[in-house]
């Protein structure tokens, strides 16, 4: 089984490679540091499973990369993340990924997930999957409570119609950092885009 590792942290890639390459049935065919590189590498058609981080630096995120990879190749996708929220599972499922594993998962859990996804099965933590598919109608108040102080600041400015560049100037941070915060807000609220997040924030503060 040929694998692609995509993560913007070199040590994470090295750690994954060290674990995977001890297995006789698994081969790391390539490793890349950006989502764009992951899409381009998978397009060559020789990758069975792409292990994608959800978060990258500025540019395309892992979920966007998953959508493009699944639309243009036979490669299956396993999402890798630090975040154990149902919102991230829902986002991964919506993107078309069939596996989701936490970065702090054990070696056996990681390898089992890779093999499951590679064989066409799903690999999703049971409790997270149950919470991810529970019926819900829009964001809930508890979703808002899970936002960090900075994420709430960003959401408030999004609700006022500011662009990422304008928010960056207002808060004295980089546009890439703002983009990352906006993506986390969208994921935590379980909404489709920044517009829905802004609508929810406006209603919650009204």
N, C-alpha and C. Protein backbone atom coordinates (compact mmCIF):
# COMPACT_ATOMS: atom_id res chain seq x y z
N UNK A 1 0.85 -1.19 0.00
CA UNK A 1 0.00 0.00 0.00
C UNK A 1 0.89 1.24 0.00
N UNK A 2 0.72 2.10 -0.98
CA UNK A 2 1.57 3.28 -1.14
C UNK A 2 0.89 4.49 -0.51
N UNK A 3 1.65 5.20 0.34
CA UNK A 3 1.09 6.30 1.11
C UNK A 3 1.74 7.63 0.77
N UNK A 4 0.94 8.68 0.92
CA UNK A 4 1.41 10.05 0.85
C UNK A 4 1.18 10.69 2.21
N UNK A 5 2.22 11.27 2.79
CA UNK A 5 2.11 11.98 4.06
C UNK A 5 2.15 13.47 3.77
N UNK A 6 1.13 14.20 4.23
CA UNK A 6 1.08 15.65 4.00
C UNK A 6 0.87 16.35 5.34
N UNK A 7 1.89 17.04 5.80
CA UNK A 7 1.83 17.76 7.07
C UNK A 7 2.88 18.86 7.02
N UNK A 8 2.56 20.04 7.55
CA UNK A 8 3.52 21.14 7.45
C UNK A 8 4.58 21.12 8.54
N UNK A 9 4.57 20.11 9.40
CA UNK A 9 5.59 19.99 10.43
C UNK A 9 6.53 18.83 10.08
N UNK A 10 7.80 19.15 9.90
CA UNK A 10 8.77 18.15 9.48
C UNK A 10 8.88 17.00 10.48
N UNK A 11 8.86 17.33 11.77
CA UNK A 11 8.98 16.28 12.78
C UNK A 11 7.79 15.33 12.77
N UNK A 12 6.60 15.88 12.50
CA UNK A 12 5.42 15.02 12.40
C UNK A 12 5.56 14.07 11.22
N UNK A 13 5.99 14.59 10.08
CA UNK A 13 6.18 13.73 8.91
C UNK A 13 7.22 12.65 9.19
N UNK A 14 8.31 13.03 9.84
CA UNK A 14 9.36 12.06 10.14
C UNK A 14 8.85 10.98 11.08
N UNK A 15 8.06 11.38 12.08
CA UNK A 15 7.51 10.42 13.02
C UNK A 15 6.56 9.44 12.35
N UNK A 16 5.71 9.96 11.48
CA UNK A 16 4.78 9.09 10.75
C UNK A 16 5.54 8.12 9.85
N UNK A 17 6.53 8.65 9.15
CA UNK A 17 7.32 7.79 8.26
C UNK A 17 7.99 6.67 9.06
N UNK A 18 8.55 7.01 10.22
CA UNK A 18 9.25 6.01 11.03
C UNK A 18 8.31 4.88 11.45
N UNK A 19 7.08 5.23 11.81
CA UNK A 19 6.11 4.22 12.22
C UNK A 19 5.66 3.38 11.02
N UNK A 20 5.34 4.04 9.94
CA UNK A 20 4.77 3.35 8.77
C UNK A 20 5.77 2.44 8.10
N UNK A 21 7.01 2.90 7.96
CA UNK A 21 7.97 2.13 7.17
C UNK A 21 8.51 0.90 7.90
N UNK A 22 8.09 0.70 9.14
CA UNK A 22 8.42 -0.54 9.84
C UNK A 22 7.49 -1.67 9.41
N UNK A 23 6.42 -1.31 8.69
CA UNK A 23 5.42 -2.30 8.29
C UNK A 23 5.70 -2.80 6.87
N UNK A 24 5.81 -4.10 6.68
CA UNK A 24 6.18 -4.63 5.37
C UNK A 24 5.15 -4.39 4.27
N UNK A 25 3.89 -4.17 4.66
CA UNK A 25 2.85 -3.97 3.65
C UNK A 25 2.57 -2.50 3.35
N UNK A 26 3.30 -1.60 4.00
CA UNK A 26 3.09 -0.17 3.81
C UNK A 26 4.35 0.50 3.31
N UNK A 27 4.19 1.45 2.40
CA UNK A 27 5.33 2.18 1.86
C UNK A 27 4.99 3.67 1.77
N UNK A 28 5.87 4.52 2.30
CA UNK A 28 5.69 5.96 2.16
C UNK A 28 6.28 6.35 0.79
N UNK A 29 5.41 6.59 -0.16
CA UNK A 29 5.85 6.92 -1.51
C UNK A 29 6.28 8.37 -1.63
N UNK A 30 5.71 9.23 -0.77
CA UNK A 30 6.05 10.65 -0.84
C UNK A 30 5.60 11.34 0.44
N UNK A 31 6.27 12.44 0.76
CA UNK A 31 5.83 13.30 1.85
C UNK A 31 5.95 14.74 1.39
N UNK A 32 4.96 15.55 1.75
CA UNK A 32 4.93 16.95 1.32
C UNK A 32 4.55 17.83 2.50
N UNK A 33 4.80 19.14 2.36
CA UNK A 33 4.58 20.06 3.46
C UNK A 33 3.37 20.96 3.27
N UNK A 34 2.76 20.93 2.09
CA UNK A 34 1.60 21.80 1.85
C UNK A 34 0.46 21.00 1.23
N UNK A 35 -0.75 21.54 1.38
CA UNK A 35 -1.93 20.90 0.80
C UNK A 35 -1.87 20.94 -0.72
N UNK A 36 -1.35 22.03 -1.27
CA UNK A 36 -1.23 22.14 -2.72
C UNK A 36 -0.32 21.04 -3.28
N UNK A 37 0.79 20.79 -2.59
CA UNK A 37 1.71 19.73 -3.02
C UNK A 37 1.04 18.37 -2.91
N UNK A 38 0.20 18.19 -1.89
CA UNK A 38 -0.49 16.92 -1.73
C UNK A 38 -1.42 16.65 -2.91
N UNK A 39 -2.15 17.66 -3.32
CA UNK A 39 -3.07 17.52 -4.46
C UNK A 39 -2.28 17.17 -5.72
N UNK A 40 -1.19 17.88 -5.94
CA UNK A 40 -0.38 17.65 -7.14
C UNK A 40 0.23 16.25 -7.13
N UNK A 41 0.71 15.80 -5.97
CA UNK A 41 1.35 14.47 -5.89
C UNK A 41 0.33 13.36 -6.08
N UNK A 42 -0.84 13.50 -5.48
CA UNK A 42 -1.87 12.47 -5.61
C UNK A 42 -2.37 12.36 -7.05
N UNK A 43 -2.31 13.47 -7.77
CA UNK A 43 -2.80 13.49 -9.16
C UNK A 43 -1.97 12.58 -10.07
N UNK A 44 -0.80 12.17 -9.63
CA UNK A 44 0.03 11.28 -10.44
C UNK A 44 -0.55 9.87 -10.50
N UNK A 45 -1.47 9.56 -9.57
CA UNK A 45 -2.23 8.32 -9.66
C UNK A 45 -1.62 7.08 -9.06
N UNK A 46 -0.53 7.22 -8.31
CA UNK A 46 0.12 6.02 -7.76
C UNK A 46 0.04 5.95 -6.23
N UNK A 47 -0.83 6.76 -5.63
CA UNK A 47 -0.98 6.79 -4.18
C UNK A 47 -2.28 6.09 -3.78
N UNK A 48 -2.18 5.16 -2.84
CA UNK A 48 -3.38 4.47 -2.35
C UNK A 48 -4.08 5.25 -1.25
N UNK A 49 -3.31 5.76 -0.31
CA UNK A 49 -3.88 6.51 0.82
C UNK A 49 -3.07 7.78 1.05
N UNK A 50 -3.77 8.91 1.12
CA UNK A 50 -3.15 10.17 1.50
C UNK A 50 -3.47 10.45 2.96
N UNK A 51 -2.45 10.59 3.78
CA UNK A 51 -2.62 10.94 5.19
C UNK A 51 -2.44 12.46 5.27
N UNK A 52 -3.55 13.17 5.45
CA UNK A 52 -3.55 14.63 5.37
C UNK A 52 -3.80 15.27 6.73
N UNK A 53 -2.97 16.24 7.07
CA UNK A 53 -3.28 17.08 8.22
C UNK A 53 -4.49 17.94 7.87
N UNK A 54 -5.32 18.24 8.86
CA UNK A 54 -6.46 19.14 8.61
C UNK A 54 -5.96 20.56 8.43
N UNK A 55 -4.99 20.97 9.24
CA UNK A 55 -4.52 22.35 9.23
C UNK A 55 -3.15 22.46 8.59
N UNK A 56 -3.01 23.43 7.70
CA UNK A 56 -1.71 23.79 7.15
C UNK A 56 -1.49 25.27 7.42
N UNK A 57 -0.41 25.81 6.91
CA UNK A 57 -0.18 27.24 7.03
C UNK A 57 -1.03 28.00 6.03
N UNK A 58 -0.59 29.17 5.62
CA UNK A 58 -1.35 29.96 4.64
C UNK A 58 -1.59 29.16 3.36
N UNK A 59 -2.75 29.34 2.79
CA UNK A 59 -3.09 28.61 1.57
C UNK A 59 -4.18 27.59 1.82
N UNK A 60 -4.22 26.58 0.97
CA UNK A 60 -5.24 25.54 1.04
C UNK A 60 -5.15 24.74 2.34
N UNK A 61 -6.29 24.37 2.91
CA UNK A 61 -6.26 23.51 4.09
C UNK A 61 -6.44 22.04 3.69
N UNK A 62 -6.33 21.16 4.67
CA UNK A 62 -6.40 19.74 4.38
C UNK A 62 -7.74 19.27 3.87
N UNK A 63 -8.81 19.90 4.32
CA UNK A 63 -10.14 19.51 3.87
C UNK A 63 -10.35 19.86 2.40
N UNK A 64 -9.87 21.04 2.01
CA UNK A 64 -9.94 21.42 0.59
C UNK A 64 -9.10 20.46 -0.25
N UNK A 65 -7.93 20.11 0.26
CA UNK A 65 -7.06 19.18 -0.46
C UNK A 65 -7.74 17.83 -0.61
N UNK A 66 -8.41 17.37 0.45
CA UNK A 66 -9.10 16.08 0.39
C UNK A 66 -10.15 16.08 -0.71
N UNK A 67 -10.92 17.16 -0.79
CA UNK A 67 -11.96 17.25 -1.83
C UNK A 67 -11.34 17.15 -3.22
N UNK A 68 -10.25 17.84 -3.44
CA UNK A 68 -9.63 17.85 -4.77
C UNK A 68 -9.00 16.50 -5.09
N UNK A 69 -8.36 15.91 -4.10
CA UNK A 69 -7.73 14.61 -4.32
C UNK A 69 -8.79 13.56 -4.67
N UNK A 70 -9.87 13.55 -3.92
CA UNK A 70 -10.92 12.56 -4.14
C UNK A 70 -11.65 12.79 -5.46
N UNK A 71 -11.66 14.03 -5.93
CA UNK A 71 -12.35 14.33 -7.18
C UNK A 71 -11.50 14.01 -8.41
N UNK A 72 -10.19 13.88 -8.22
CA UNK A 72 -9.31 13.75 -9.39
C UNK A 72 -8.45 12.49 -9.39
N UNK A 73 -8.59 11.64 -8.37
CA UNK A 73 -7.76 10.43 -8.34
C UNK A 73 -8.49 9.32 -7.59
N UNK A 74 -7.88 8.13 -7.60
CA UNK A 74 -8.46 7.00 -6.88
C UNK A 74 -7.96 6.94 -5.43
N UNK A 75 -7.13 7.89 -5.06
CA UNK A 75 -6.55 7.92 -3.72
C UNK A 75 -7.62 8.07 -2.66
N UNK A 76 -7.53 7.28 -1.60
CA UNK A 76 -8.41 7.45 -0.44
C UNK A 76 -7.72 8.36 0.57
N UNK A 77 -8.53 8.97 1.45
CA UNK A 77 -7.99 9.99 2.34
C UNK A 77 -8.23 9.67 3.81
N UNK A 78 -7.17 9.78 4.59
CA UNK A 78 -7.22 9.67 6.05
C UNK A 78 -6.81 11.01 6.62
N UNK A 79 -7.71 11.67 7.35
CA UNK A 79 -7.41 12.97 7.94
C UNK A 79 -6.71 12.78 9.29
N UNK A 80 -5.73 13.64 9.54
CA UNK A 80 -4.95 13.59 10.76
C UNK A 80 -5.04 14.95 11.44
N UNK A 81 -5.39 14.97 12.73
CA UNK A 81 -5.58 16.26 13.39
C UNK A 81 -5.35 16.17 14.89
N UNK A 82 -5.11 17.33 15.48
CA UNK A 82 -5.02 17.44 16.94
C UNK A 82 -6.38 17.64 17.58
N UNK A 83 -7.37 18.03 16.77
CA UNK A 83 -8.66 18.44 17.30
C UNK A 83 -9.65 17.28 17.34
N UNK A 84 -10.22 17.02 18.51
CA UNK A 84 -11.11 15.87 18.66
C UNK A 84 -12.57 16.30 18.76
N UNK A 85 -12.96 17.32 18.01
CA UNK A 85 -14.33 17.79 18.06
C UNK A 85 -15.17 17.15 16.96
N UNK A 86 -16.46 16.94 17.22
CA UNK A 86 -17.35 16.38 16.18
C UNK A 86 -17.39 17.24 14.93
N UNK A 87 -17.17 18.55 15.09
CA UNK A 87 -17.20 19.43 13.93
C UNK A 87 -16.13 19.05 12.92
N UNK A 88 -14.96 18.68 13.41
CA UNK A 88 -13.91 18.30 12.49
C UNK A 88 -14.25 16.98 11.80
N UNK A 89 -14.89 16.06 12.53
CA UNK A 89 -15.31 14.81 11.91
C UNK A 89 -16.33 15.08 10.82
N UNK A 90 -17.31 15.93 11.13
CA UNK A 90 -18.32 16.26 10.13
C UNK A 90 -17.68 16.89 8.90
N UNK A 91 -16.72 17.78 9.13
CA UNK A 91 -16.05 18.43 8.02
C UNK A 91 -15.27 17.42 7.18
N UNK A 92 -14.62 16.47 7.85
CA UNK A 92 -13.86 15.44 7.14
C UNK A 92 -14.78 14.55 6.31
N UNK A 93 -15.91 14.17 6.90
CA UNK A 93 -16.87 13.33 6.18
C UNK A 93 -17.45 14.07 4.99
N UNK A 94 -17.75 15.35 5.19
CA UNK A 94 -18.29 16.15 4.10
C UNK A 94 -17.27 16.27 2.97
N UNK A 95 -16.00 16.36 3.33
CA UNK A 95 -14.95 16.46 2.32
C UNK A 95 -14.77 15.15 1.55
N UNK A 96 -15.30 14.06 2.11
CA UNK A 96 -15.20 12.77 1.43
C UNK A 96 -14.18 11.82 2.03
N UNK A 97 -13.50 12.25 3.10
CA UNK A 97 -12.52 11.37 3.75
C UNK A 97 -13.24 10.19 4.38
N UNK A 98 -12.58 9.04 4.41
CA UNK A 98 -13.17 7.85 5.03
C UNK A 98 -12.44 7.45 6.30
N UNK A 99 -11.47 8.26 6.70
CA UNK A 99 -10.76 7.99 7.93
C UNK A 99 -10.40 9.28 8.64
N UNK A 100 -10.33 9.19 9.97
CA UNK A 100 -10.05 10.35 10.81
C UNK A 100 -9.32 9.82 12.03
N UNK A 101 -8.10 10.29 12.25
CA UNK A 101 -7.34 9.81 13.40
C UNK A 101 -6.64 11.00 14.07
N UNK A 102 -6.57 10.95 15.38
CA UNK A 102 -5.94 12.02 16.14
C UNK A 102 -4.43 11.87 16.14
N UNK A 103 -3.72 13.00 16.21
CA UNK A 103 -2.26 12.96 16.18
C UNK A 103 -1.68 12.29 17.42
N UNK A 104 -2.45 12.25 18.49
CA UNK A 104 -1.93 11.59 19.69
C UNK A 104 -2.38 10.13 19.78
N UNK A 105 -2.90 9.60 18.68
CA UNK A 105 -3.31 8.20 18.66
C UNK A 105 -2.08 7.30 18.78
N UNK A 106 -2.28 6.11 19.27
CA UNK A 106 -1.20 5.16 19.39
C UNK A 106 -0.80 4.57 18.04
N UNK A 107 0.33 3.91 18.01
CA UNK A 107 0.85 3.33 16.77
C UNK A 107 -0.13 2.35 16.15
N UNK A 108 -0.69 1.47 16.96
CA UNK A 108 -1.60 0.45 16.44
C UNK A 108 -2.85 1.10 15.86
N UNK A 109 -3.39 2.11 16.55
CA UNK A 109 -4.59 2.79 16.07
C UNK A 109 -4.33 3.47 14.73
N UNK A 110 -3.18 4.10 14.59
CA UNK A 110 -2.83 4.76 13.34
C UNK A 110 -2.72 3.76 12.21
N UNK A 111 -1.99 2.67 12.44
CA UNK A 111 -1.79 1.67 11.39
C UNK A 111 -3.11 0.99 11.02
N UNK A 112 -3.94 0.72 12.02
CA UNK A 112 -5.25 0.12 11.73
C UNK A 112 -6.08 1.05 10.86
N UNK A 113 -6.02 2.35 11.16
CA UNK A 113 -6.79 3.33 10.39
C UNK A 113 -6.29 3.38 8.94
N UNK A 114 -4.98 3.38 8.76
CA UNK A 114 -4.41 3.41 7.41
C UNK A 114 -4.86 2.20 6.61
N UNK A 115 -4.77 1.03 7.23
CA UNK A 115 -5.13 -0.19 6.51
C UNK A 115 -6.62 -0.25 6.22
N UNK A 116 -7.43 0.25 7.16
CA UNK A 116 -8.88 0.26 6.94
C UNK A 116 -9.23 1.15 5.76
N UNK A 117 -8.70 2.36 5.75
CA UNK A 117 -8.99 3.29 4.66
C UNK A 117 -8.47 2.74 3.34
N UNK A 118 -7.28 2.17 3.37
CA UNK A 118 -6.70 1.63 2.15
C UNK A 118 -7.49 0.48 1.56
N UNK A 119 -8.19 -0.25 2.41
CA UNK A 119 -8.98 -1.39 1.93
C UNK A 119 -10.43 -1.01 1.62
N UNK A 120 -10.73 0.29 1.69
CA UNK A 120 -12.07 0.75 1.35
C UNK A 120 -13.05 0.82 2.50
N UNK A 121 -12.56 0.59 3.72
CA UNK A 121 -13.42 0.69 4.89
C UNK A 121 -13.24 2.06 5.56
N UNK A 122 -14.09 2.35 6.53
CA UNK A 122 -13.97 3.60 7.25
C UNK A 122 -13.18 3.40 8.53
N UNK A 123 -12.56 4.47 8.98
CA UNK A 123 -11.79 4.45 10.23
C UNK A 123 -12.10 5.73 10.98
N UNK A 124 -13.11 5.66 11.84
CA UNK A 124 -13.54 6.83 12.59
C UNK A 124 -13.72 6.45 14.06
N UNK A 125 -13.17 7.25 15.00
CA UNK A 125 -13.37 6.97 16.42
C UNK A 125 -14.86 6.88 16.73
N UNK A 126 -15.27 5.79 17.39
CA UNK A 126 -16.69 5.52 17.61
C UNK A 126 -17.43 6.65 18.30
N UNK A 127 -16.87 7.18 19.39
CA UNK A 127 -17.57 8.22 20.13
C UNK A 127 -17.69 9.50 19.31
N UNK A 128 -16.62 9.85 18.62
CA UNK A 128 -16.68 11.04 17.79
C UNK A 128 -17.66 10.87 16.64
N UNK A 129 -17.69 9.69 16.06
CA UNK A 129 -18.62 9.44 14.96
C UNK A 129 -20.06 9.57 15.44
N UNK A 130 -20.34 9.01 16.62
CA UNK A 130 -21.71 9.09 17.15
C UNK A 130 -22.12 10.54 17.35
N UNK A 131 -21.22 11.34 17.96
CA UNK A 131 -21.56 12.74 18.18
C UNK A 131 -21.63 13.54 16.89
N UNK A 132 -20.82 13.13 15.92
CA UNK A 132 -20.80 13.86 14.65
C UNK A 132 -22.09 13.68 13.86
N UNK A 133 -22.73 12.53 14.00
CA UNK A 133 -23.93 12.27 13.20
C UNK A 133 -25.21 12.52 13.98
N UNK A 134 -25.10 12.97 15.22
CA UNK A 134 -26.30 13.30 15.98
C UNK A 134 -27.04 14.44 15.29
N UNK A 135 -28.36 14.34 15.19
CA UNK A 135 -29.11 15.41 14.54
C UNK A 135 -28.89 16.74 15.26
N UNK A 136 -28.77 17.80 14.49
CA UNK A 136 -28.63 19.12 15.07
C UNK A 136 -29.16 20.13 14.06
N UNK A 137 -29.68 21.21 14.54
CA UNK A 137 -30.21 22.26 13.67
C UNK A 137 -29.42 23.52 13.91
N UNK A 138 -28.41 23.74 13.08
CA UNK A 138 -27.60 24.94 13.21
C UNK A 138 -26.70 24.91 14.44
N UNK A 139 -25.87 25.94 14.60
CA UNK A 139 -24.97 26.02 15.75
C UNK A 139 -25.75 26.14 17.06
N UNK A 140 -25.14 25.64 18.11
CA UNK A 140 -25.75 25.70 19.44
C UNK A 140 -24.95 26.65 20.32
N UNK A 141 -25.56 27.08 21.43
CA UNK A 141 -24.87 27.99 22.35
C UNK A 141 -23.59 27.38 22.88
N UNK A 142 -23.60 26.05 23.11
CA UNK A 142 -22.39 25.41 23.63
C UNK A 142 -21.26 25.43 22.60
N UNK A 143 -21.61 25.51 21.31
CA UNK A 143 -20.59 25.63 20.28
C UNK A 143 -19.86 26.96 20.42
N UNK A 144 -20.62 28.01 20.66
CA UNK A 144 -20.04 29.34 20.84
C UNK A 144 -19.14 29.36 22.07
N UNK A 145 -19.54 28.66 23.11
CA UNK A 145 -18.77 28.64 24.35
C UNK A 145 -17.42 27.95 24.17
N UNK A 146 -17.30 27.09 23.15
CA UNK A 146 -16.04 26.39 22.93
C UNK A 146 -15.00 27.23 22.20
N UNK A 147 -15.41 28.38 21.70
CA UNK A 147 -14.46 29.25 21.01
C UNK A 147 -13.49 29.87 22.01
N UNK A 148 -12.25 30.02 21.59
CA UNK A 148 -11.28 30.72 22.43
C UNK A 148 -11.58 32.22 22.41
N UNK A 149 -10.94 32.96 23.29
CA UNK A 149 -11.17 34.41 23.34
C UNK A 149 -10.80 35.05 22.00
N UNK A 150 -9.69 34.63 21.42
CA UNK A 150 -9.28 35.19 20.13
C UNK A 150 -10.27 34.83 19.03
N UNK A 151 -10.76 33.59 19.04
CA UNK A 151 -11.73 33.17 18.03
C UNK A 151 -13.03 33.96 18.15
N UNK A 152 -13.41 34.30 19.39
CA UNK A 152 -14.62 35.12 19.57
C UNK A 152 -14.39 36.54 19.04
N UNK A 153 -13.18 37.06 19.24
CA UNK A 153 -12.85 38.38 18.69
C UNK A 153 -12.96 38.36 17.16
N UNK A 154 -12.38 37.34 16.57
CA UNK A 154 -12.41 37.23 15.11
C UNK A 154 -13.84 37.09 14.62
N UNK A 155 -14.63 36.26 15.29
CA UNK A 155 -16.02 36.06 14.89
C UNK A 155 -16.81 37.36 14.95
N UNK A 156 -16.58 38.14 16.00
CA UNK A 156 -17.28 39.42 16.14
C UNK A 156 -16.95 40.35 14.97
N UNK A 157 -15.70 40.35 14.55
CA UNK A 157 -15.30 41.22 13.44
C UNK A 157 -15.83 40.68 12.11
N UNK A 158 -15.88 39.35 11.99
CA UNK A 158 -16.49 38.75 10.79
C UNK A 158 -17.96 39.17 10.71
N UNK A 159 -18.63 39.15 11.87
CA UNK A 159 -20.04 39.53 11.91
C UNK A 159 -20.25 40.99 11.54
N UNK A 160 -19.22 41.81 11.71
CA UNK A 160 -19.30 43.21 11.32
C UNK A 160 -18.90 43.42 9.86
N UNK A 161 -18.64 42.32 9.15
CA UNK A 161 -18.37 42.41 7.72
C UNK A 161 -16.94 42.66 7.34
N UNK A 162 -16.00 42.57 8.27
CA UNK A 162 -14.61 42.83 7.96
C UNK A 162 -13.98 41.67 7.18
N UNK A 163 -13.10 41.98 6.27
CA UNK A 163 -12.35 40.97 5.55
C UNK A 163 -11.23 40.44 6.44
N UNK A 164 -10.58 39.35 6.00
CA UNK A 164 -9.47 38.82 6.77
C UNK A 164 -8.34 39.85 6.92
N UNK A 165 -8.06 40.60 5.85
CA UNK A 165 -7.00 41.61 5.93
C UNK A 165 -7.36 42.71 6.92
N UNK A 166 -8.64 43.11 6.91
CA UNK A 166 -9.08 44.16 7.83
C UNK A 166 -9.02 43.66 9.28
N UNK A 167 -9.41 42.41 9.47
CA UNK A 167 -9.35 41.82 10.82
C UNK A 167 -7.90 41.75 11.29
N UNK A 168 -7.02 41.38 10.38
CA UNK A 168 -5.59 41.29 10.72
C UNK A 168 -5.07 42.65 11.19
N UNK A 169 -5.44 43.71 10.47
CA UNK A 169 -5.01 45.06 10.88
C UNK A 169 -5.61 45.43 12.24
N UNK A 170 -6.87 45.09 12.43
CA UNK A 170 -7.56 45.44 13.69
C UNK A 170 -6.92 44.76 14.89
N UNK A 171 -6.53 43.49 14.71
CA UNK A 171 -6.01 42.72 15.84
C UNK A 171 -4.49 42.68 15.90
N UNK A 172 -3.83 43.22 14.87
CA UNK A 172 -2.38 43.23 14.86
C UNK A 172 -1.77 41.86 14.65
N UNK A 173 -2.43 41.03 13.84
CA UNK A 173 -1.91 39.70 13.54
C UNK A 173 -1.88 39.52 12.03
N UNK A 174 -1.29 38.44 11.57
CA UNK A 174 -1.16 38.21 10.14
C UNK A 174 -2.45 37.70 9.51
N UNK A 175 -2.67 37.98 8.22
CA UNK A 175 -3.84 37.47 7.52
C UNK A 175 -3.95 35.95 7.55
N UNK A 176 -2.81 35.27 7.47
CA UNK A 176 -2.82 33.80 7.54
C UNK A 176 -3.33 33.31 8.88
N UNK A 177 -2.96 34.01 9.95
CA UNK A 177 -3.45 33.65 11.28
C UNK A 177 -4.95 33.88 11.38
N UNK A 178 -5.40 34.98 10.79
CA UNK A 178 -6.84 35.26 10.78
C UNK A 178 -7.58 34.15 10.03
N UNK A 179 -7.06 33.76 8.88
CA UNK A 179 -7.69 32.70 8.10
C UNK A 179 -7.80 31.42 8.91
N UNK A 180 -6.74 31.10 9.65
CA UNK A 180 -6.76 29.90 10.49
C UNK A 180 -7.83 30.00 11.56
N UNK A 181 -7.95 31.17 12.19
CA UNK A 181 -8.98 31.37 13.22
C UNK A 181 -10.37 31.25 12.62
N UNK A 182 -10.57 31.83 11.45
CA UNK A 182 -11.89 31.77 10.81
C UNK A 182 -12.27 30.32 10.50
N UNK A 183 -11.31 29.54 10.01
CA UNK A 183 -11.58 28.14 9.69
C UNK A 183 -11.93 27.35 10.95
N UNK A 184 -11.24 27.65 12.05
CA UNK A 184 -11.54 26.97 13.30
C UNK A 184 -12.93 27.34 13.81
N UNK A 185 -13.28 28.62 13.67
CA UNK A 185 -14.61 29.08 14.09
C UNK A 185 -15.69 28.36 13.28
N UNK A 186 -15.50 28.29 11.97
CA UNK A 186 -16.47 27.62 11.09
C UNK A 186 -16.63 26.15 11.48
N UNK A 187 -15.48 25.49 11.75
CA UNK A 187 -15.53 24.08 12.13
C UNK A 187 -16.21 23.88 13.48
N UNK A 188 -15.87 24.72 14.46
CA UNK A 188 -16.44 24.56 15.80
C UNK A 188 -17.94 24.85 15.83
N UNK A 189 -18.37 25.79 14.99
CA UNK A 189 -19.80 26.12 14.95
C UNK A 189 -20.58 25.16 14.07
N UNK A 190 -19.87 24.40 13.25
CA UNK A 190 -20.53 23.45 12.38
C UNK A 190 -21.32 24.11 11.27
N UNK A 191 -20.85 25.27 10.80
CA UNK A 191 -21.53 25.98 9.72
C UNK A 191 -20.75 25.81 8.42
N UNK A 192 -21.36 26.21 7.31
CA UNK A 192 -20.75 25.97 6.01
C UNK A 192 -19.70 27.00 5.63
N UNK A 193 -19.89 28.24 6.10
CA UNK A 193 -18.98 29.30 5.67
C UNK A 193 -19.01 30.45 6.66
N UNK A 194 -18.24 31.50 6.38
CA UNK A 194 -18.14 32.64 7.28
C UNK A 194 -19.45 33.43 7.35
N UNK A 195 -20.22 33.40 6.27
CA UNK A 195 -21.51 34.10 6.28
C UNK A 195 -22.45 33.50 7.31
N UNK A 196 -22.54 32.17 7.33
CA UNK A 196 -23.39 31.51 8.32
C UNK A 196 -22.87 31.75 9.72
N UNK A 197 -21.55 31.77 9.88
CA UNK A 197 -20.97 32.06 11.20
C UNK A 197 -21.34 33.46 11.64
N UNK A 198 -21.28 34.42 10.71
CA UNK A 198 -21.62 35.80 11.03
C UNK A 198 -23.09 35.94 11.42
N UNK A 199 -23.96 35.25 10.71
CA UNK A 199 -25.40 35.28 11.03
C UNK A 199 -25.65 34.74 12.42
N UNK A 200 -25.01 33.64 12.74
CA UNK A 200 -25.19 33.04 14.07
C UNK A 200 -24.68 33.99 15.16
N UNK A 201 -23.51 34.60 14.93
CA UNK A 201 -22.95 35.51 15.91
C UNK A 201 -23.86 36.70 16.14
N UNK A 202 -24.44 37.21 15.07
CA UNK A 202 -25.35 38.35 15.18
C UNK A 202 -26.59 37.99 15.98
N UNK A 203 -27.14 36.82 15.71
CA UNK A 203 -28.33 36.38 16.44
C UNK A 203 -28.01 36.11 17.91
N UNK A 204 -26.84 35.52 18.16
CA UNK A 204 -26.46 35.19 19.54
C UNK A 204 -26.26 36.44 20.39
N UNK A 205 -25.82 37.54 19.74
CA UNK A 205 -25.55 38.76 20.48
C UNK A 205 -26.76 39.69 20.53
N UNK A 206 -27.82 39.28 19.84
CA UNK A 206 -29.00 40.14 19.74
C UNK A 206 -29.93 40.04 20.91
